[in-house]
Amino acid sequence: MPQAATIKSLPRAFRMMKAMQAQGIEWGEDYRRADAEALKEVLEGRMAAGIDRHLEETDRGRRRLRRQPSGRRAAKADRQFP
């Protein structure tokens, strides 16, 4: 079970940390893993949102191009429908 402590004296806190390490208690490794996992989830979420946004914009652009022909197709369409 995690324990909490309030630091009132920095030298005392260092002694307590050294005592914990001597007993085999790792106080920092769990936080590093949790931080790395949280950062990974945030970055993956942002990347997925960016990809979705890009695909939606690309799809909208393609639909707009289909509705507004240009070049030879536009000239041909104008000749067919005066």
Protein backbone atom coordinates (compact mmCIF):
# COMPACT_ATOMS: atom_id res chain seq x y z
CA MET A 1 0.00 0.00 0.00
CA PRO A 2 1.40 3.44 -0.90
CA GLN A 3 2.43 5.66 1.94
CA ALA A 4 2.46 9.45 2.00
CA ALA A 5 4.89 11.70 3.85
CA THR A 6 5.17 15.44 4.33
CA ILE A 7 8.67 16.85 3.91
CA LYS A 8 9.55 19.16 6.79
CA SER A 9 13.31 18.85 6.57
CA LEU A 10 15.28 18.20 3.39
CA PRO A 11 18.19 16.35 5.11
CA ARG A 12 15.66 14.15 6.94
CA ALA A 13 13.87 13.44 3.65
CA PHE A 14 17.15 12.33 2.03
CA ARG A 15 17.88 10.02 4.98
CA MET A 16 14.39 8.55 4.69
CA MET A 17 14.84 7.99 0.92
CA LYS A 18 18.20 6.28 1.46
CA ALA A 19 16.65 4.06 4.14
CA MET A 20 13.80 3.13 1.78
CA GLN A 21 16.26 2.29 -1.00
CA ALA A 22 18.29 0.17 1.42
CA GLN A 23 15.12 -1.79 2.18
CA GLY A 24 14.55 -2.34 -1.54
CA ILE A 25 11.66 0.09 -1.84
CA GLU A 26 11.74 1.89 -5.19
CA TRP A 27 9.91 5.17 -4.89
CA GLY A 28 10.45 6.63 -8.33
CA GLU A 29 10.15 3.85 -10.90
CA ASP A 30 6.36 3.52 -10.74
CA TYR A 31 5.93 7.23 -11.42
CA ARG A 32 8.23 7.10 -14.42
CA ARG A 33 6.30 4.23 -15.98
CA ALA A 34 2.96 5.91 -15.27
CA ASP A 35 4.22 9.20 -16.71
CA ALA A 36 5.50 7.48 -19.84
CA GLU A 37 2.22 5.61 -20.30
CA ALA A 38 0.14 8.77 -19.81
CA LEU A 39 2.28 10.68 -22.31
CA LYS A 40 1.99 7.82 -24.79
CA GLU A 41 -1.82 7.85 -24.51
CA VAL A 42 -1.99 11.63 -24.99
CA LEU A 43 0.28 11.53 -28.04
CA GLU A 44 -1.58 8.59 -29.58
CA GLY A 45 -4.89 10.43 -29.07
CA ARG A 46 -3.57 13.60 -30.68
CA MET A 47 -2.10 11.64 -33.58
CA ALA A 48 -5.38 9.79 -34.17
CA ALA A 49 -7.33 13.07 -34.07
CA GLY A 50 -4.88 14.68 -36.51
CA ILE A 51 -5.14 11.76 -38.91
CA ASP A 52 -8.95 11.81 -38.74
CA ARG A 53 -9.01 15.57 -39.36
CA HIS A 54 -6.67 15.18 -42.35
CA LEU A 55 -8.77 12.39 -43.86
CA GLU A 56 -11.96 14.41 -43.44
CA GLU A 57 -10.38 17.46 -45.12
CA THR A 58 -9.05 15.31 -47.95
CA ASP A 59 -12.46 13.72 -48.46
CA ARG A 60 -14.17 17.13 -48.51
CA GLY A 61 -11.67 18.34 -51.09
CA ARG A 62 -12.28 15.34 -53.30
CA ARG A 63 -16.05 15.84 -53.17
CA ARG A 64 -15.65 19.52 -54.06
CA LEU A 65 -13.46 18.62 -57.04
CA ARG A 66 -16.03 16.13 -58.29
CA ARG A 67 -18.74 18.80 -58.20
CA GLN A 68 -16.64 21.46 -59.94
CA PRO A 69 -14.95 19.97 -62.99
CA SER A 70 -12.05 21.90 -64.45
CA GLY A 71 -9.91 21.79 -67.56
CA ARG A 72 -11.04 19.58 -70.43
CA ARG A 73 -13.90 18.11 -68.46
CA ALA A 74 -15.32 21.59 -67.79
CA ALA A 75 -14.99 22.61 -71.45
CA LYS A 76 -16.66 19.38 -72.56
CA ALA A 77 -19.46 19.85 -70.03
CA ASP A 78 -20.05 23.43 -71.22
CA ARG A 79 -20.38 22.23 -74.82
CA GLN A 80 -22.83 19.51 -73.87
CA PHE A 81 -25.08 21.75 -71.73
CA PRO A 82 -25.28 25.26 -73.19
